[in-house]
């Protein structure tokens, strides 16, 4: 897999008018962070299929474990094996199917002083430039790490996003746990689907 390139945003954003979609996506990101703050620190993991993975999660310091949304941890632990089960004639456990999740970084672009730019187009361009620059600076080491994990077959794919300064990753639990240990990572969330309201006529 080639190295990921930075994208403007996901899903519905690409079908919206420029910058209107940007503002909506930033709003959705803020909602995601608010939901994360209200989530309990623990969840019911009694249905875990992989005892080793469960032990790895429970052995993490709370400050690290709490970076990962409880419902995402549950998805990992209850995931069906790839191909539906272990290979015939072997006692080795089957590899769990990869799960897609979103990694949010702590670093925020500095958007102060933009009101001093008189031109609306220039102001919008400055917002985009600062968001891209912030993502480029803060994601560099993470992208190198994810490229290594992809080469090892631990993750299927990943994509960088500058709109919310984060990444979408489709991969294994181990990678998610290692990402949570990194100080630049703020939170790791499931790949939730948001539905925008229909426009009012």
C-alpha atoms as a PDB file:
ATOM      1  CA  UNK A   1       0.000   0.000   0.000  1.00  0.00           C
ATOM      2  CA  UNK A   2       1.355   3.420  -0.858  1.00  0.00           C
ATOM      3  CA  UNK A   3       1.766   6.176   1.641  1.00  0.00           C
ATOM      4  CA  UNK A   4      -1.470   7.911   2.513  1.00  0.00           C
ATOM      5  CA  UNK A   5      -2.139  11.412   1.292  1.00  0.00           C
ATOM      6  CA  UNK A   6      -3.882  14.112   3.259  1.00  0.00           C
ATOM      7  CA  UNK A   7      -7.590  14.473   2.509  1.00  0.00           C
ATOM      8  CA  UNK A   8      -9.990  17.350   2.949  1.00  0.00           C
ATOM      9  CA  UNK A   9     -12.643  15.401   4.800  1.00  0.00           C
ATOM     10  CA  UNK A  10     -14.754  12.266   4.716  1.00  0.00           C
ATOM     11  CA  UNK A  11     -17.991  11.099   3.220  1.00  0.00           C
ATOM     12  CA  UNK A  12     -20.648  13.767   2.870  1.00  0.00           C
ATOM     13  CA  UNK A  13     -18.156  16.634   3.009  1.00  0.00           C
ATOM     14  CA  UNK A  14     -17.037  16.020  -0.546  1.00  0.00           C
ATOM     15  CA  UNK A  15     -20.557  16.525  -1.871  1.00  0.00           C
ATOM     16  CA  UNK A  16     -21.103  19.851  -0.134  1.00  0.00           C
ATOM     17  CA  UNK A  17     -20.119  23.289  -1.332  1.00  0.00           C
ATOM     18  CA  UNK A  18     -16.530  24.309  -0.447  1.00  0.00           C
ATOM     19  CA  UNK A  19     -16.067  25.613   3.089  1.00  0.00           C
ATOM     20  CA  UNK A  20     -19.731  25.138   3.977  1.00  0.00           C
ATOM     21  CA  UNK A  21     -18.840  21.463   4.275  1.00  0.00           C
ATOM     22  CA  UNK A  22     -15.690  22.423   6.172  1.00  0.00           C
ATOM     23  CA  UNK A  23     -17.687  24.240   8.839  1.00  0.00           C
ATOM     24  CA  UNK A  24     -20.204  21.398   9.144  1.00  0.00           C
ATOM     25  CA  UNK A  25     -17.427  18.851   9.508  1.00  0.00           C
ATOM     26  CA  UNK A  26     -15.735  20.908  12.230  1.00  0.00           C
ATOM     27  CA  UNK A  27     -19.085  21.057  14.034  1.00  0.00           C
ATOM     28  CA  UNK A  28     -19.454  17.270  13.805  1.00  0.00           C
ATOM     29  CA  UNK A  29     -15.955  16.840  15.183  1.00  0.00           C
ATOM     30  CA  UNK A  30     -16.808  19.026  18.163  1.00  0.00           C
ATOM     31  CA  UNK A  31     -19.935  16.946  18.761  1.00  0.00           C
ATOM     32  CA  UNK A  32     -17.805  13.787  18.678  1.00  0.00           C
ATOM     33  CA  UNK A  33     -15.478  15.220  21.298  1.00  0.00           C
ATOM     34  CA  UNK A  34     -18.429  16.208  23.487  1.00  0.00           C
ATOM     35  CA  UNK A  35     -19.844  12.698  23.246  1.00  0.00           C
ATOM     36  CA  UNK A  36     -16.436  11.290  24.177  1.00  0.00           C
ATOM     37  CA  UNK A  37     -16.342  13.447  27.309  1.00  0.00           C
ATOM     38  CA  UNK A  38     -19.689  12.070  28.461  1.00  0.00           C
ATOM     39  CA  UNK A  39     -18.829   8.403  27.901  1.00  0.00           C
ATOM     40  CA  UNK A  40     -18.198   6.176  30.912  1.00  0.00           C
ATOM     41  CA  UNK A  41     -14.619   5.044  31.438  1.00  0.00           C
ATOM     42  CA  UNK A  42     -15.576   1.356  31.384  1.00  0.00           C
ATOM     43  CA  UNK A  43     -17.856  -0.853  29.379  1.00  0.00           C
ATOM     44  CA  UNK A  44     -19.005  -4.454  29.512  1.00  0.00           C
ATOM     45  CA  UNK A  45     -16.230  -6.546  27.951  1.00  0.00           C
ATOM     46  CA  UNK A  46     -17.479  -9.911  29.175  1.00  0.00           C
ATOM     47  CA  UNK A  47     -18.168 -11.144  25.621  1.00  0.00           C
ATOM     48  CA  UNK A  48     -14.549 -10.809  24.538  1.00  0.00           C
ATOM     49  CA  UNK A  49     -13.484 -13.518  22.072  1.00  0.00           C
ATOM     50  CA  UNK A  50      -9.765 -13.019  22.686  1.00  0.00           C
ATOM     51  CA  UNK A  51      -8.584 -13.383  26.297  1.00  0.00           C
ATOM     52  CA  UNK A  52      -5.092 -12.163  25.391  1.00  0.00           C
ATOM     53  CA  UNK A  53      -6.462  -8.968  23.880  1.00  0.00           C
ATOM     54  CA  UNK A  54      -8.712  -8.440  26.898  1.00  0.00           C
ATOM     55  CA  UNK A  55      -5.740  -8.802  29.223  1.00  0.00           C
ATOM     56  CA  UNK A  56      -3.753  -6.302  27.129  1.00  0.00           C
ATOM     57  CA  UNK A  57      -6.534  -3.740  27.429  1.00  0.00           C
ATOM     58  CA  UNK A  58      -7.072  -4.267  31.140  1.00  0.00           C
ATOM     59  CA  UNK A  59      -3.351  -3.963  31.745  1.00  0.00           C
ATOM     60  CA  UNK A  60      -3.163  -0.459  30.293  1.00  0.00           C
ATOM     61  CA  UNK A  61      -2.955   2.542  32.613  1.00  0.00           C
ATOM     62  CA  UNK A  62      -6.402   4.192  32.872  1.00  0.00           C
ATOM     63  CA  UNK A  63      -5.119   7.404  31.263  1.00  0.00           C
ATOM     64  CA  UNK A  64      -4.171   5.418  28.153  1.00  0.00           C
ATOM     65  CA  UNK A  65      -7.160   3.086  28.092  1.00  0.00           C
ATOM     66  CA  UNK A  66      -9.593   5.980  28.448  1.00  0.00           C
ATOM     67  CA  UNK A  67      -8.324   7.533  25.223  1.00  0.00           C
ATOM     68  CA  UNK A  68     -10.127   4.760  23.350  1.00  0.00           C
ATOM     69  CA  UNK A  69     -13.913   4.917  23.224  1.00  0.00           C
ATOM     70  CA  UNK A  70     -15.423   2.006  25.223  1.00  0.00           C
ATOM     71  CA  UNK A  71     -17.699   1.003  22.357  1.00  0.00           C
ATOM     72  CA  UNK A  72     -14.675   0.768  20.062  1.00  0.00           C
ATOM     73  CA  UNK A  73     -12.870  -1.509  22.521  1.00  0.00           C
ATOM     74  CA  UNK A  74     -15.976  -3.656  22.608  1.00  0.00           C
ATOM     75  CA  UNK A  75     -16.000  -3.830  18.796  1.00  0.00           C
ATOM     76  CA  UNK A  76     -12.410  -5.079  18.817  1.00  0.00           C
ATOM     77  CA  UNK A  77     -12.977  -7.701  21.475  1.00  0.00           C
ATOM     78  CA  UNK A  78     -16.187  -9.031  19.945  1.00  0.00           C
ATOM     79  CA  UNK A  79     -15.004  -8.914  16.330  1.00  0.00           C
ATOM     80  CA  UNK A  80     -15.587 -11.993  14.207  1.00  0.00           C
ATOM     81  CA  UNK A  81     -12.406 -13.679  12.948  1.00  0.00           C
ATOM     82  CA  UNK A  82     -11.420 -13.029   9.345  1.00  0.00           C
ATOM     83  CA  UNK A  83     -13.018 -15.633   7.128  1.00  0.00           C
ATOM     84  CA  UNK A  84     -15.456 -16.618   9.874  1.00  0.00           C
ATOM     85  CA  UNK A  85     -13.142 -18.731  12.029  1.00  0.00           C
ATOM     86  CA  UNK A  86      -9.837 -20.523  12.456  1.00  0.00           C
ATOM     87  CA  UNK A  87      -8.333 -22.323   9.516  1.00  0.00           C
ATOM     88  CA  UNK A  88      -9.334 -25.942   9.175  1.00  0.00           C
ATOM     89  CA  UNK A  89      -6.993 -28.440  10.858  1.00  0.00           C
ATOM     90  CA  UNK A  90      -5.244 -25.881  13.092  1.00  0.00           C
ATOM     91  CA  UNK A  91      -5.572 -24.928  16.736  1.00  0.00           C
ATOM     92  CA  UNK A  92      -4.261 -21.427  16.087  1.00  0.00           C
ATOM     93  CA  UNK A  93      -6.896 -18.720  16.696  1.00  0.00           C
ATOM     94  CA  UNK A  94      -8.063 -16.920  13.587  1.00  0.00           C
ATOM     95  CA  UNK A  95      -6.942 -13.341  13.035  1.00  0.00           C
ATOM     96  CA  UNK A  96      -9.634 -10.850  13.975  1.00  0.00           C
ATOM     97  CA  UNK A  97     -11.173  -8.876  11.153  1.00  0.00           C
ATOM     98  CA  UNK A  98      -9.836  -5.298  10.913  1.00  0.00           C
ATOM     99  CA  UNK A  99     -11.958  -2.454  12.267  1.00  0.00           C
ATOM    100  CA  UNK A 100     -12.046   1.149  11.063  1.00  0.00           C
ATOM    101  CA  UNK A 101     -11.580   3.874  13.655  1.00  0.00           C
ATOM    102  CA  UNK A 102     -10.731   7.576  13.827  1.00  0.00           C
ATOM    103  CA  UNK A 103      -7.648   8.962  15.573  1.00  0.00           C
ATOM    104  CA  UNK A 104      -7.940  12.559  16.809  1.00  0.00           C
ATOM    105  CA  UNK A 105      -4.747  14.484  17.579  1.00  0.00           C
ATOM    106  CA  UNK A 106      -4.340  17.060  20.336  1.00  0.00           C
ATOM    107  CA  UNK A 107      -2.743  19.761  18.228  1.00  0.00           C
ATOM    108  CA  UNK A 108      -5.085  22.455  16.933  1.00  0.00           C
ATOM    109  CA  UNK A 109      -4.437  24.971  14.207  1.00  0.00           C
ATOM    110  CA  UNK A 110      -4.034  28.556  15.380  1.00  0.00           C
ATOM    111  CA  UNK A 111      -6.891  30.427  13.698  1.00  0.00           C
ATOM    112  CA  UNK A 112      -6.440  33.688  15.566  1.00  0.00           C
ATOM    113  CA  UNK A 113      -6.162  36.936  13.656  1.00  0.00           C
ATOM    114  CA  UNK A 114      -8.049  35.763  10.584  1.00  0.00           C
ATOM    115  CA  UNK A 115     -10.749  38.408  11.013  1.00  0.00           C
ATOM    116  CA  UNK A 116      -8.155  40.983  10.052  1.00  0.00           C
ATOM    117  CA  UNK A 117      -8.122  39.592   6.504  1.00  0.00           C
ATOM    118  CA  UNK A 118     -10.606  41.701   4.561  1.00  0.00           C
ATOM    119  CA  UNK A 119     -11.215  39.410   1.599  1.00  0.00           C
ATOM    120  CA  UNK A 120     -13.577  36.509   2.305  1.00  0.00           C
ATOM    121  CA  UNK A 121     -11.799  34.296  -0.221  1.00  0.00           C
ATOM    122  CA  UNK A 122      -8.384  35.112   1.227  1.00  0.00           C
ATOM    123  CA  UNK A 123      -9.705  34.448   4.734  1.00  0.00           C
ATOM    124  CA  UNK A 124     -11.048  31.035   3.701  1.00  0.00           C
ATOM    125  CA  UNK A 125      -7.769  30.199   1.985  1.00  0.00           C
ATOM    126  CA  UNK A 126      -5.875  31.166   5.159  1.00  0.00           C
ATOM    127  CA  UNK A 127      -8.073  28.848   7.258  1.00  0.00           C
ATOM    128  CA  UNK A 128      -7.374  25.925   4.936  1.00  0.00           C
ATOM    129  CA  UNK A 129      -3.660  26.693   4.838  1.00  0.00           C
ATOM    130  CA  UNK A 130      -3.378  26.777   8.628  1.00  0.00           C
ATOM    131  CA  UNK A 131      -5.382  23.574   9.051  1.00  0.00           C
ATOM    132  CA  UNK A 132      -3.213  21.785   6.505  1.00  0.00           C
ATOM    133  CA  UNK A 133      -0.003  23.086   8.063  1.00  0.00           C
ATOM    134  CA  UNK A 134      -1.071  21.984  11.560  1.00  0.00           C
ATOM    135  CA  UNK A 135      -1.945  18.504  10.302  1.00  0.00           C
ATOM    136  CA  UNK A 136       1.280  18.190   8.335  1.00  0.00           C
ATOM    137  CA  UNK A 137       3.436  19.089  11.351  1.00  0.00           C
ATOM    138  CA  UNK A 138       1.631  16.974  13.940  1.00  0.00           C
ATOM    139  CA  UNK A 139       0.924  13.867  11.842  1.00  0.00           C
ATOM    140  CA  UNK A 140       4.367  13.271  10.375  1.00  0.00           C
ATOM    141  CA  UNK A 141       5.606  10.681  12.894  1.00  0.00           C
ATOM    142  CA  UNK A 142       2.219   8.958  13.054  1.00  0.00           C
ATOM    143  CA  UNK A 143       2.152   8.538   9.289  1.00  0.00           C
ATOM    144  CA  UNK A 144       5.608   6.947   9.364  1.00  0.00           C
ATOM    145  CA  UNK A 145       4.456   4.556  12.090  1.00  0.00           C
ATOM    146  CA  UNK A 146       1.285   3.610  10.210  1.00  0.00           C
ATOM    147  CA  UNK A 147       3.276   3.001   7.051  1.00  0.00           C
ATOM    148  CA  UNK A 148       5.418   0.529   8.994  1.00  0.00           C
ATOM    149  CA  UNK A 149       2.302  -1.199  10.375  1.00  0.00           C
ATOM    150  CA  UNK A 150       0.854  -1.424   6.879  1.00  0.00           C
ATOM    151  CA  UNK A 151       4.075  -3.019   5.595  1.00  0.00           C
ATOM    152  CA  UNK A 152       3.798  -5.575   8.416  1.00  0.00           C
ATOM    153  CA  UNK A 153       0.220  -6.395   7.456  1.00  0.00           C
ATOM    154  CA  UNK A 154      -1.167  -5.094  10.753  1.00  0.00           C
ATOM    155  CA  UNK A 155      -3.418  -2.513   9.143  1.00  0.00           C
ATOM    156  CA  UNK A 156      -5.268  -2.575   5.839  1.00  0.00           C
ATOM    157  CA  UNK A 157      -5.233   1.133   5.065  1.00  0.00           C
ATOM    158  CA  UNK A 158      -5.111   4.579   6.613  1.00  0.00           C
ATOM    159  CA  UNK A 159      -5.884   8.121   5.515  1.00  0.00           C
ATOM    160  CA  UNK A 160      -4.855  11.513   6.834  1.00  0.00           C
ATOM    161  CA  UNK A 161      -7.399  14.328   7.299  1.00  0.00           C
ATOM    162  CA  UNK A 162      -6.460  17.939   7.798  1.00  0.00           C
ATOM    163  CA  UNK A 163      -9.991  19.197   8.507  1.00  0.00           C
ATOM    164  CA  UNK A 164     -10.054  17.718  12.025  1.00  0.00           C
ATOM    165  CA  UNK A 165      -6.340  16.869  12.312  1.00  0.00           C
ATOM    166  CA  UNK A 166      -6.687  13.154  12.548  1.00  0.00           C
ATOM    167  CA  UNK A 167      -6.580   9.879  10.694  1.00  0.00           C
ATOM    168  CA  UNK A 168      -8.887   7.068   9.702  1.00  0.00           C
ATOM    169  CA  UNK A 169      -7.296   3.667  10.262  1.00  0.00           C
ATOM    170  CA  UNK A 170      -8.547   0.218   9.298  1.00  0.00           C
ATOM    171  CA  UNK A 171      -6.561  -2.260  11.316  1.00  0.00           C
ATOM    172  CA  UNK A 172      -5.975  -4.292  14.434  1.00  0.00           C
ATOM    173  CA  UNK A 173      -6.342  -3.724  18.157  1.00  0.00           C
ATOM    174  CA  UNK A 174      -2.593  -3.711  18.782  1.00  0.00           C
ATOM    175  CA  UNK A 175      -2.119  -0.704  16.518  1.00  0.00           C
ATOM    176  CA  UNK A 176      -4.956   1.155  18.251  1.00  0.00           C
ATOM    177  CA  UNK A 177      -3.403   0.472  21.662  1.00  0.00           C
ATOM    178  CA  UNK A 178       0.002   1.689  20.487  1.00  0.00           C
ATOM    179  CA  UNK A 179      -1.545   4.834  19.035  1.00  0.00           C
ATOM    180  CA  UNK A 180      -3.312   5.526  22.338  1.00  0.00           C
ATOM    181  CA  UNK A 181       0.060   5.476  24.106  1.00  0.00           C
ATOM    182  CA  UNK A 182       1.370   8.317  21.966  1.00  0.00           C
ATOM    183  CA  UNK A 183       1.178  11.734  23.671  1.00  0.00           C
ATOM    184  CA  UNK A 184       0.035  13.537  20.505  1.00  0.00           C
ATOM    185  CA  UNK A 185      -3.100  11.362  20.300  1.00  0.00           C
ATOM    186  CA  UNK A 186      -6.087  12.785  22.146  1.00  0.00           C
ATOM    187  CA  UNK A 187      -8.762  10.175  21.528  1.00  0.00           C
ATOM    188  CA  UNK A 188      -9.624   7.202  19.315  1.00  0.00           C
ATOM    189  CA  UNK A 189     -13.234   6.850  18.240  1.00  0.00           C
ATOM    190  CA  UNK A 190     -15.360   4.398  16.249  1.00  0.00           C
ATOM    191  CA  UNK A 191     -16.138   5.278  12.656  1.00  0.00           C
ATOM    192  CA  UNK A 192     -19.635   6.568  13.332  1.00  0.00           C
ATOM    193  CA  UNK A 193     -22.060   7.621  10.595  1.00  0.00           C
ATOM    194  CA  UNK A 194     -23.634  11.071  10.880  1.00  0.00           C
ATOM    195  CA  UNK A 195     -26.698  11.990   8.879  1.00  0.00           C
ATOM    196  CA  UNK A 196     -27.144  15.643   7.923  1.00  0.00           C
ATOM    197  CA  UNK A 197     -30.702  16.986   8.059  1.00  0.00           C
ATOM    198  CA  UNK A 198     -32.521  17.476   4.793  1.00  0.00           C
ATOM    199  CA  UNK A 199     -32.467  21.135   3.619  1.00  0.00           C
ATOM    200  CA  UNK A 200     -35.618  23.062   4.372  1.00  0.00           C
ATOM    201  CA  UNK A 201     -37.467  24.411   1.370  1.00  0.00           C
END
